């Protein structure tokens, strides 16, 4: 199942118990980025394309360093997140 921003927004709204519009979601690589106006930051949630999302963010970043800023080098951001998340998964084994 391919994750879309509309599906992600619906899912994250259910998980967080508040409305998150699709315009507050970005999917890049294996990550869902959610602009959380309550916390005033962007939550980074792993594995949006696997269909197995959790509501717990892996990391948080400022909006200006996220895919919501068209000037951000998304590939560098994804690489950094992937490295830290994969290290965590390896440490759990």
PDB file of N, CA and C in Angstrom:
ATOM      1  N   UNK A   1       0.844  -1.175   0.000  1.00  0.00           N
ATOM      2  CA  UNK A   1       0.000   0.000   0.000  1.00  0.00           C
ATOM      3  C   UNK A   1       0.891   1.240   0.000  1.00  0.00           C
ATOM      4  N   UNK A   2       0.692   2.089  -0.979  1.00  0.00           N
ATOM      5  CA  UNK A   2       1.468   3.318  -1.050  1.00  0.00           C
ATOM      6  C   UNK A   2       0.850   4.364  -0.130  1.00  0.00           C
ATOM      7  N   UNK A   3       1.699   4.952   0.693  1.00  0.00           N
ATOM      8  CA  UNK A   3       1.242   5.989   1.617  1.00  0.00           C
ATOM      9  C   UNK A   3       1.137   7.305   0.853  1.00  0.00           C
ATOM     10  N   UNK A   4       0.045   8.000   1.050  1.00  0.00           N
ATOM     11  CA  UNK A   4      -0.145   9.331   0.487  1.00  0.00           C
ATOM     12  C   UNK A   4      -0.229  10.320   1.645  1.00  0.00           C
ATOM     13  N   UNK A   5      -0.089  11.600   1.347  1.00  0.00           N
ATOM     14  CA  UNK A   5      -0.198  12.584   2.425  1.00  0.00           C
ATOM     15  C   UNK A   5      -1.605  12.584   3.013  1.00  0.00           C
ATOM     16  N   UNK A   6      -2.598  12.315   2.188  1.00  0.00           N
ATOM     17  CA  UNK A   6      -3.974  12.267   2.699  1.00  0.00           C
ATOM     18  C   UNK A   6      -4.143  11.101   3.678  1.00  0.00           C
ATOM     19  N   UNK A   7      -3.629   9.924   3.308  1.00  0.00           N
ATOM     20  CA  UNK A   7      -3.698   8.761   4.207  1.00  0.00           C
ATOM     21  C   UNK A   7      -2.876   9.009   5.472  1.00  0.00           C
ATOM     22  N   UNK A   8      -1.695   9.590   5.293  1.00  0.00           N
ATOM     23  CA  UNK A   8      -0.827   9.869   6.441  1.00  0.00           C
ATOM     24  C   UNK A   8      -1.493  10.846   7.401  1.00  0.00           C
ATOM     25  N   UNK A   9      -2.125  11.878   6.856  1.00  0.00           N
ATOM     26  CA  UNK A   9      -2.808  12.867   7.700  1.00  0.00           C
ATOM     27  C   UNK A   9      -3.953  12.220   8.472  1.00  0.00           C
ATOM     28  N   UNK A  10      -4.713  11.366   7.807  1.00  0.00           N
ATOM     29  CA  UNK A  10      -5.808  10.666   8.486  1.00  0.00           C
ATOM     30  C   UNK A  10      -5.249   9.790   9.599  1.00  0.00           C
ATOM     31  N   UNK A  11      -4.212   9.009   9.270  1.00  0.00           N
ATOM     32  CA  UNK A  11      -3.631   8.090  10.236  1.00  0.00           C
ATOM     33  C   UNK A  11      -3.052   8.837  11.434  1.00  0.00           C
ATOM     34  N   UNK A  12      -2.275   9.884  11.170  1.00  0.00           N
ATOM     35  CA  UNK A  12      -1.634  10.609  12.273  1.00  0.00           C
ATOM     36  C   UNK A  12      -2.675  11.348  13.111  1.00  0.00           C
ATOM     37  N   UNK A  13      -3.749  11.807  12.483  1.00  0.00           N
ATOM     38  CA  UNK A  13      -4.847  12.435  13.238  1.00  0.00           C
ATOM     39  C   UNK A  13      -5.462  11.444  14.217  1.00  0.00           C
ATOM     40  N   UNK A  14      -5.651  10.218  13.762  1.00  0.00           N
ATOM     41  CA  UNK A  14      -6.186   9.172  14.636  1.00  0.00           C
ATOM     42  C   UNK A  14      -5.213   8.845  15.766  1.00  0.00           C
ATOM     43  N   UNK A  15      -3.934   8.727  15.428  1.00  0.00           N
ATOM     44  CA  UNK A  15      -2.924   8.362  16.429  1.00  0.00           C
ATOM     45  C   UNK A  15      -2.735   9.455  17.474  1.00  0.00           C
ATOM     46  N   UNK A  16      -2.765  10.706  17.050  1.00  0.00           N
ATOM     47  CA  UNK A  16      -2.510  11.818  17.958  1.00  0.00           C
ATOM     48  C   UNK A  16      -3.782  12.362  18.608  1.00  0.00           C
ATOM     49  N   UNK A  17      -4.942  11.994  18.096  1.00  0.00           N
ATOM     50  CA  UNK A  17      -6.195  12.454  18.689  1.00  0.00           C
ATOM     51  C   UNK A  17      -6.525  13.911  18.399  1.00  0.00           C
ATOM     52  N   UNK A  18      -5.990  14.427  17.296  1.00  0.00           N
ATOM     53  CA  UNK A  18      -6.328  15.789  16.871  1.00  0.00           C
ATOM     54  C   UNK A  18      -6.178  15.867  15.356  1.00  0.00           C
ATOM     55  N   UNK A  19      -6.856  16.815  14.762  1.00  0.00           N
ATOM     56  CA  UNK A  19      -6.865  16.945  13.310  1.00  0.00           C
ATOM     57  C   UNK A  19      -5.521  17.443  12.782  1.00  0.00           C
ATOM     58  N   UNK A  20      -4.960  16.680  11.859  1.00  0.00           N
ATOM     59  CA  UNK A  20      -3.739  17.081  11.163  1.00  0.00           C
ATOM     60  C   UNK A  20      -4.088  17.121   9.680  1.00  0.00           C
ATOM     61  N   UNK A  21      -4.074  18.294   9.061  1.00  0.00           N
ATOM     62  CA  UNK A  21      -4.427  18.379   7.643  1.00  0.00           C
ATOM     63  C   UNK A  21      -3.325  17.810   6.746  1.00  0.00           C
ATOM     64  N   UNK A  22      -3.675  17.303   5.568  1.00  0.00           N
ATOM     65  CA  UNK A  22      -2.668  16.790   4.640  1.00  0.00           C
ATOM     66  C   UNK A  22      -1.586  17.816   4.293  1.00  0.00           C
ATOM     67  N   UNK A  23      -1.920  19.082   4.332  1.00  0.00           N
ATOM     68  CA  UNK A  23      -0.922  20.116   4.023  1.00  0.00           C
ATOM     69  C   UNK A  23       0.180  20.196   5.080  1.00  0.00           C
ATOM     70  N   UNK A  24      -0.016  19.539   6.209  1.00  0.00           N
ATOM     71  CA  UNK A  24       0.988  19.516   7.277  1.00  0.00           C
ATOM     72  C   UNK A  24       1.826  18.248   7.234  1.00  0.00           C
ATOM     73  N   UNK A  25       1.693  17.462   6.163  1.00  0.00           N
ATOM     74  CA  UNK A  25       2.420  16.204   6.022  1.00  0.00           C
ATOM     75  C   UNK A  25       3.267  16.213   4.753  1.00  0.00           C
ATOM     76  N   UNK A  26       4.457  15.654   4.862  1.00  0.00           N
ATOM     77  CA  UNK A  26       5.339  15.439   3.719  1.00  0.00           C
ATOM     78  C   UNK A  26       5.908  14.037   3.854  1.00  0.00           C
ATOM     79  N   UNK A  27       5.943  13.300   2.751  1.00  0.00           N
ATOM     80  CA  UNK A  27       6.552  11.977   2.730  1.00  0.00           C
ATOM     81  C   UNK A  27       7.784  12.065   1.843  1.00  0.00           C
ATOM     82  N   UNK A  28       8.913  11.699   2.429  1.00  0.00           N
ATOM     83  CA  UNK A  28      10.174  11.689   1.700  1.00  0.00           C
ATOM     84  C   UNK A  28      10.925  10.421   2.092  1.00  0.00           C
ATOM     85  N   UNK A  29      11.271   9.626   1.109  1.00  0.00           N
ATOM     86  CA  UNK A  29      11.970   8.374   1.392  1.00  0.00           C
ATOM     87  C   UNK A  29      11.165   7.511   2.339  1.00  0.00           C
ATOM     88  N   UNK A  30      11.803   7.031   3.384  1.00  0.00           N
ATOM     89  CA  UNK A  30      11.149   6.185   4.387  1.00  0.00           C
ATOM     90  C   UNK A  30      10.624   6.983   5.566  1.00  0.00           C
ATOM     91  N   UNK A  31      10.346   8.259   5.358  1.00  0.00           N
ATOM     92  CA  UNK A  31       9.986   9.128   6.473  1.00  0.00           C
ATOM     93  C   UNK A  31       8.726   9.927   6.197  1.00  0.00           C
ATOM     94  N   UNK A  32       7.958  10.099   7.259  1.00  0.00           N
ATOM     95  CA  UNK A  32       6.817  11.004   7.261  1.00  0.00           C
ATOM     96  C   UNK A  32       7.206  12.204   8.108  1.00  0.00           C
ATOM     97  N   UNK A  33       7.053  13.387   7.567  1.00  0.00           N
ATOM     98  CA  UNK A  33       7.337  14.628   8.286  1.00  0.00           C
ATOM     99  C   UNK A  33       6.008  15.323   8.540  1.00  0.00           C
ATOM    100  N   UNK A  34       5.752  15.639   9.796  1.00  0.00           N
ATOM    101  CA  UNK A  34       4.481  16.251  10.181  1.00  0.00           C
ATOM    102  C   UNK A  34       4.750  17.577  10.884  1.00  0.00           C
ATOM    103  N   UNK A  35       4.246  18.657  10.305  1.00  0.00           N
ATOM    104  CA  UNK A  35       4.345  19.982  10.924  1.00  0.00           C
ATOM    105  C   UNK A  35       3.343  20.003  12.057  1.00  0.00           C
ATOM    106  N   UNK A  36       3.842  20.039  13.271  1.00  0.00           N
ATOM    107  CA  UNK A  36       3.011  20.020  14.473  1.00  0.00           C
ATOM    108  C   UNK A  36       2.941  21.440  15.029  1.00  0.00           C
ATOM    109  N   UNK A  37       1.830  22.104  14.758  1.00  0.00           N
ATOM    110  CA  UNK A  37       1.685  23.491  15.208  1.00  0.00           C
ATOM    111  C   UNK A  37       1.635  23.603  16.723  1.00  0.00           C
ATOM    112  N   UNK A  38       1.197  22.542  17.398  1.00  0.00           N
ATOM    113  CA  UNK A  38       1.133  22.557  18.859  1.00  0.00           C
ATOM    114  C   UNK A  38       2.548  22.692  19.442  1.00  0.00           C
ATOM    115  N   UNK A  39       3.480  21.896  18.923  1.00  0.00           N
ATOM    116  CA  UNK A  39       4.866  21.921  19.412  1.00  0.00           C
ATOM    117  C   UNK A  39       5.747  22.885  18.624  1.00  0.00           C
ATOM    118  N   UNK A  40       5.218  23.423  17.543  1.00  0.00           N
ATOM    119  CA  UNK A  40       5.951  24.324  16.656  1.00  0.00           C
ATOM    120  C   UNK A  40       7.242  23.704  16.135  1.00  0.00           C
ATOM    121  N   UNK A  41       7.155  22.423  15.733  1.00  0.00           N
ATOM    122  CA  UNK A  41       8.290  21.737  15.135  1.00  0.00           C
ATOM    123  C   UNK A  41       7.768  20.680  14.170  1.00  0.00           C
ATOM    124  N   UNK A  42       8.674  20.086  13.436  1.00  0.00           N
ATOM    125  CA  UNK A  42       8.316  19.038  12.491  1.00  0.00           C
ATOM    126  C   UNK A  42       8.742  17.704  13.084  1.00  0.00           C
ATOM    127  N   UNK A  43       7.775  16.819  13.214  1.00  0.00           N
ATOM    128  CA  UNK A  43       8.027  15.480  13.747  1.00  0.00           C
ATOM    129  C   UNK A  43       8.456  14.564  12.609  1.00  0.00           C
ATOM    130  N   UNK A  44       9.480  13.755  12.835  1.00  0.00           N
ATOM    131  CA  UNK A  44      10.015  12.819  11.854  1.00  0.00           C
ATOM    132  C   UNK A  44       9.617  11.408  12.282  1.00  0.00           C
ATOM    133  N   UNK A  45       8.788  10.768  11.482  1.00  0.00           N
ATOM    134  CA  UNK A  45       8.251   9.455  11.819  1.00  0.00           C
ATOM    135  C   UNK A  45       8.724   8.451  10.769  1.00  0.00           C
ATOM    136  N   UNK A  46       9.383   7.349  11.178  1.00  0.00           N
ATOM    137  CA  UNK A  46       9.932   6.396  10.207  1.00  0.00           C
ATOM    138  C   UNK A  46       8.897   5.492   9.555  1.00  0.00           C
ATOM    139  N   UNK A  47       9.273   4.983   8.394  1.00  0.00           N
ATOM    140  CA  UNK A  47       8.570   3.917   7.666  1.00  0.00           C
ATOM    141  C   UNK A  47       7.190   4.236   7.106  1.00  0.00           C
ATOM    142  N   UNK A  48       6.953   5.371   6.471  1.00  0.00           N
ATOM    143  CA  UNK A  48       5.618   5.622   5.960  1.00  0.00           C
ATOM    144  C   UNK A  48       5.225   4.725   4.801  1.00  0.00           C
ATOM    145  N   UNK A  49       6.177   4.170   4.063  1.00  0.00           N
ATOM    146  CA  UNK A  49       5.838   3.349   2.906  1.00  0.00           C
ATOM    147  C   UNK A  49       5.613   1.887   3.235  1.00  0.00           C
ATOM    148  N   UNK A  50       5.921   1.481   4.472  1.00  0.00           N
ATOM    149  CA  UNK A  50       5.724   0.090   4.848  1.00  0.00           C
ATOM    150  C   UNK A  50       4.272  -0.188   5.222  1.00  0.00           C
ATOM    151  N   UNK A  51       3.488   0.857   5.445  1.00  0.00           N
ATOM    152  CA  UNK A  51       2.114   0.675   5.880  1.00  0.00           C
ATOM    153  C   UNK A  51       1.999   0.409   7.362  1.00  0.00           C
ATOM    154  N   UNK A  52       3.120   0.460   8.066  1.00  0.00           N
ATOM    155  CA  UNK A  52       3.142   0.179   9.500  1.00  0.00           C
ATOM    156  C   UNK A  52       3.659   1.418  10.235  1.00  0.00           C
ATOM    157  N   UNK A  53       2.812   2.406  10.371  1.00  0.00           N
ATOM    158  CA  UNK A  53       3.204   3.654  11.022  1.00  0.00           C
ATOM    159  C   UNK A  53       2.952   3.599  12.517  1.00  0.00           C
ATOM    160  N   UNK A  54       3.787   4.297  13.246  1.00  0.00           N
ATOM    161  CA  UNK A  54       3.585   4.499  14.668  1.00  0.00           C
ATOM    162  C   UNK A  54       3.352   5.980  14.865  1.00  0.00           C
ATOM    163  N   UNK A  55       2.693   6.355  15.904  1.00  0.00           N
ATOM    164  CA  UNK A  55       2.459   7.763  16.169  1.00  0.00           C
ATOM    165  C   UNK A  55       3.602   8.436  16.888  1.00  0.00           C
ATOM    166  N   UNK A  56       4.604   7.668  17.255  1.00  0.00           N
ATOM    167  CA  UNK A  56       5.724   8.196  18.017  1.00  0.00           C
ATOM    168  C   UNK A  56       6.820   8.692  17.077  1.00  0.00           C
ATOM    169  N   UNK A  57       7.148   9.963  17.125  1.00  0.00           N
ATOM    170  CA  UNK A  57       8.217  10.489  16.271  1.00  0.00           C
ATOM    171  C   UNK A  57       9.586   9.935  16.677  1.00  0.00           C
ATOM    172  N   UNK A  58      10.452   9.771  15.697  1.00  0.00           N
ATOM    173  CA  UNK A  58      11.824   9.375  15.968  1.00  0.00           C
ATOM    174  C   UNK A  58      12.648  10.585  16.358  1.00  0.00           C
ATOM    175  N   UNK A  59      12.382  11.702  15.687  1.00  0.00           N
ATOM    176  CA  UNK A  59      13.150  12.913  15.921  1.00  0.00           C
ATOM    177  C   UNK A  59      12.250  14.106  15.617  1.00  0.00           C
ATOM    178  N   UNK A  60      12.680  15.260  16.029  1.00  0.00           N
ATOM    179  CA  UNK A  60      11.977  16.512  15.729  1.00  0.00           C
ATOM    180  C   UNK A  60      13.000  17.497  15.192  1.00  0.00           C
ATOM    181  N   UNK A  61      12.562  18.291  14.225  1.00  0.00           N
ATOM    182  CA  UNK A  61      13.434  19.302  13.641  1.00  0.00           C
ATOM    183  C   UNK A  61      12.638  20.591  13.469  1.00  0.00           C
ATOM    184  N   UNK A  62      13.345  21.669  13.255  1.00  0.00           N
ATOM    185  CA  UNK A  62      12.649  22.933  13.012  1.00  0.00           C
ATOM    186  C   UNK A  62      12.105  22.939  11.583  1.00  0.00           C
ATOM    187  N   UNK A  63      11.077  23.712  11.376  1.00  0.00           N
ATOM    188  CA  UNK A  63      10.424  23.747  10.073  1.00  0.00           C
ATOM    189  C   UNK A  63      11.380  24.206   8.970  1.00  0.00           C
ATOM    190  N   UNK A  64      12.275  25.125   9.278  1.00  0.00           N
ATOM    191  CA  UNK A  64      13.197  25.635   8.259  1.00  0.00           C
ATOM    192  C   UNK A  64      14.254  24.610   7.842  1.00  0.00           C
ATOM    193  N   UNK A  65      14.416  23.513   8.602  1.00  0.00           N
ATOM    194  CA  UNK A  65      15.371  22.451   8.264  1.00  0.00           C
ATOM    195  C   UNK A  65      14.671  21.201   7.747  1.00  0.00           C
ATOM    196  N   UNK A  66      13.405  21.335   7.392  1.00  0.00           N
ATOM    197  CA  UNK A  66      12.572  20.199   7.012  1.00  0.00           C
ATOM    198  C   UNK A  66      12.150  20.275   5.542  1.00  0.00           C
ATOM    199  N   UNK A  67      11.480  19.235   5.045  1.00  0.00           N
ATOM    200  CA  UNK A  67      10.964  19.269   3.673  1.00  0.00           C
ATOM    201  C   UNK A  67       9.899  20.350   3.438  1.00  0.00           C
ATOM    202  N   UNK A  68       9.454  21.014   4.477  1.00  0.00           N
ATOM    203  CA  UNK A  68       8.516  22.124   4.304  1.00  0.00           C
ATOM    204  C   UNK A  68       9.237  23.366   3.778  1.00  0.00           C
ATOM    205  N   UNK A  69      10.558  23.351   3.819  1.00  0.00           N
ATOM    206  CA  UNK A  69      11.384  24.416   3.264  1.00  0.00           C
ATOM    207  C   UNK A  69      11.957  23.903   1.945  1.00  0.00           C
ATOM    208  N   UNK A  70      11.567  24.487   0.808  1.00  0.00           N
ATOM    209  CA  UNK A  70      12.036  23.971  -0.488  1.00  0.00           C
ATOM    210  C   UNK A  70      13.547  24.086  -0.696  1.00  0.00           C
ATOM    211  N   UNK A  71      14.248  24.843   0.139  1.00  0.00           N
ATOM    212  CA  UNK A  71      15.695  25.006  -0.012  1.00  0.00           C
ATOM    213  C   UNK A  71      16.498  23.934   0.731  1.00  0.00           C
ATOM    214  N   UNK A  72      15.825  23.075   1.477  1.00  0.00           N
ATOM    215  CA  UNK A  72      16.510  22.046   2.269  1.00  0.00           C
ATOM    216  C   UNK A  72      16.990  20.908   1.370  1.00  0.00           C
ATOM    217  N   UNK A  73      18.216  20.444   1.608  1.00  0.00           N
ATOM    218  CA  UNK A  73      18.754  19.267   0.925  1.00  0.00           C
ATOM    219  C   UNK A  73      18.146  18.033   1.594  1.00  0.00           C
ATOM    220  N   UNK A  74      17.060  17.565   1.024  1.00  0.00           N
ATOM    221  CA  UNK A  74      16.310  16.463   1.635  1.00  0.00           C
ATOM    222  C   UNK A  74      17.147  15.185   1.687  1.00  0.00           C
ATOM    223  N   UNK A  75      17.991  14.958   0.705  1.00  0.00           N
ATOM    224  CA  UNK A  75      18.792  13.727   0.699  1.00  0.00           C
ATOM    225  C   UNK A  75      19.731  13.671   1.904  1.00  0.00           C
ATOM    226  N   UNK A  76      20.314  14.789   2.282  1.00  0.00           N
ATOM    227  CA  UNK A  76      21.188  14.817   3.465  1.00  0.00           C
ATOM    228  C   UNK A  76      20.382  14.581   4.739  1.00  0.00           C
ATOM    229  N   UNK A  77      19.208  15.168   4.820  1.00  0.00           N
ATOM    230  CA  UNK A  77      18.335  14.975   5.978  1.00  0.00           C
ATOM    231  C   UNK A  77      17.925  13.521   6.105  1.00  0.00           C
ATOM    232  N   UNK A  78      17.499  12.906   4.989  1.00  0.00           N
ATOM    233  CA  UNK A  78      17.095  11.498   5.013  1.00  0.00           C
ATOM    234  C   UNK A  78      18.256  10.595   5.413  1.00  0.00           C
ATOM    235  N   UNK A  79      19.437  10.870   4.885  1.00  0.00           N
ATOM    236  CA  UNK A  79      20.609  10.063   5.227  1.00  0.00           C
ATOM    237  C   UNK A  79      20.901  10.137   6.722  1.00  0.00           C
ATOM    238  N   UNK A  80      20.845  11.327   7.278  1.00  0.00           N
ATOM    239  CA  UNK A  80      21.100  11.502   8.717  1.00  0.00           C
ATOM    240  C   UNK A  80      20.071  10.734   9.546  1.00  0.00           C
ATOM    241  N   UNK A  81      18.805  10.862   9.189  1.00  0.00           N
ATOM    242  CA  UNK A  81      17.751  10.148   9.921  1.00  0.00           C
ATOM    243  C   UNK A  81      17.892   8.643   9.769  1.00  0.00           C
ATOM    244  N   UNK A  82      18.167   8.176   8.542  1.00  0.00           N
ATOM    245  CA  UNK A  82      18.331   6.736   8.308  1.00  0.00           C
ATOM    246  C   UNK A  82      19.469   6.161   9.135  1.00  0.00           C
ATOM    247  N   UNK A  83      20.608   6.856   9.166  1.00  0.00           N
ATOM    248  CA  UNK A  83      21.760   6.366   9.927  1.00  0.00           C
ATOM    249  C   UNK A  83      21.411   6.221  11.405  1.00  0.00           C
ATOM    250  N   UNK A  84      20.794   7.234  11.979  1.00  0.00           N
ATOM    251  CA  UNK A  84      20.480   7.176  13.413  1.00  0.00           C
ATOM    252  C   UNK A  84      19.421   6.112  13.705  1.00  0.00           C
ATOM    253  N   UNK A  85      18.438   5.977  12.834  1.00  0.00           N
ATOM    254  CA  UNK A  85      17.378   4.997  13.058  1.00  0.00           C
ATOM    255  C   UNK A  85      17.896   3.569  12.867  1.00  0.00           C
ATOM    256  N   UNK A  86      18.709   3.343  11.831  1.00  0.00           N
ATOM    257  CA  UNK A  86      19.262   2.006  11.601  1.00  0.00           C
ATOM    258  C   UNK A  86      20.216   1.595  12.717  1.00  0.00           C
ATOM    259  N   UNK A  87      20.970   2.549  13.244  1.00  0.00           N
ATOM    260  CA  UNK A  87      21.841   2.251  14.388  1.00  0.00           C
ATOM    261  C   UNK A  87      21.004   1.807  15.589  1.00  0.00           C
ATOM    262  N   UNK A  88      19.913   2.507  15.825  1.00  0.00           N
ATOM    263  CA  UNK A  88      19.009   2.136  16.921  1.00  0.00           C
ATOM    264  C   UNK A  88      18.474   0.715  16.707  1.00  0.00           C
ATOM    265  N   UNK A  89      18.041   0.398  15.488  1.00  0.00           N
ATOM    266  CA  UNK A  89      17.514  -0.945  15.221  1.00  0.00           C
ATOM    267  C   UNK A  89      18.585  -2.008  15.413  1.00  0.00           C
ATOM    268  N   UNK A  90      19.823  -1.723  14.973  1.00  0.00           N
ATOM    269  CA  UNK A  90      20.924  -2.666  15.171  1.00  0.00           C
ATOM    270  C   UNK A  90      21.216  -2.875  16.649  1.00  0.00           C
ATOM    271  N   UNK A  91      21.180  -1.793  17.418  1.00  0.00           N
ATOM    272  CA  UNK A  91      21.438  -1.896  18.855  1.00  0.00           C
ATOM    273  C   UNK A  91      20.372  -2.700  19.580  1.00  0.00           C
ATOM    274  N   UNK A  92      19.176  -2.748  19.020  1.00  0.00           N
ATOM    275  CA  UNK A  92      18.069  -3.503  19.644  1.00  0.00           C
ATOM    276  C   UNK A  92      18.164  -5.004  19.380  1.00  0.00           C
ATOM    277  N   UNK A  93      18.985  -5.395  18.450  1.00  0.00           N
ATOM    278  CA  UNK A  93      19.093  -6.825  18.098  1.00  0.00           C
ATOM    279  C   UNK A  93      20.019  -7.561  19.009  1.00  0.00           C
TER     280      UNK A  93
END
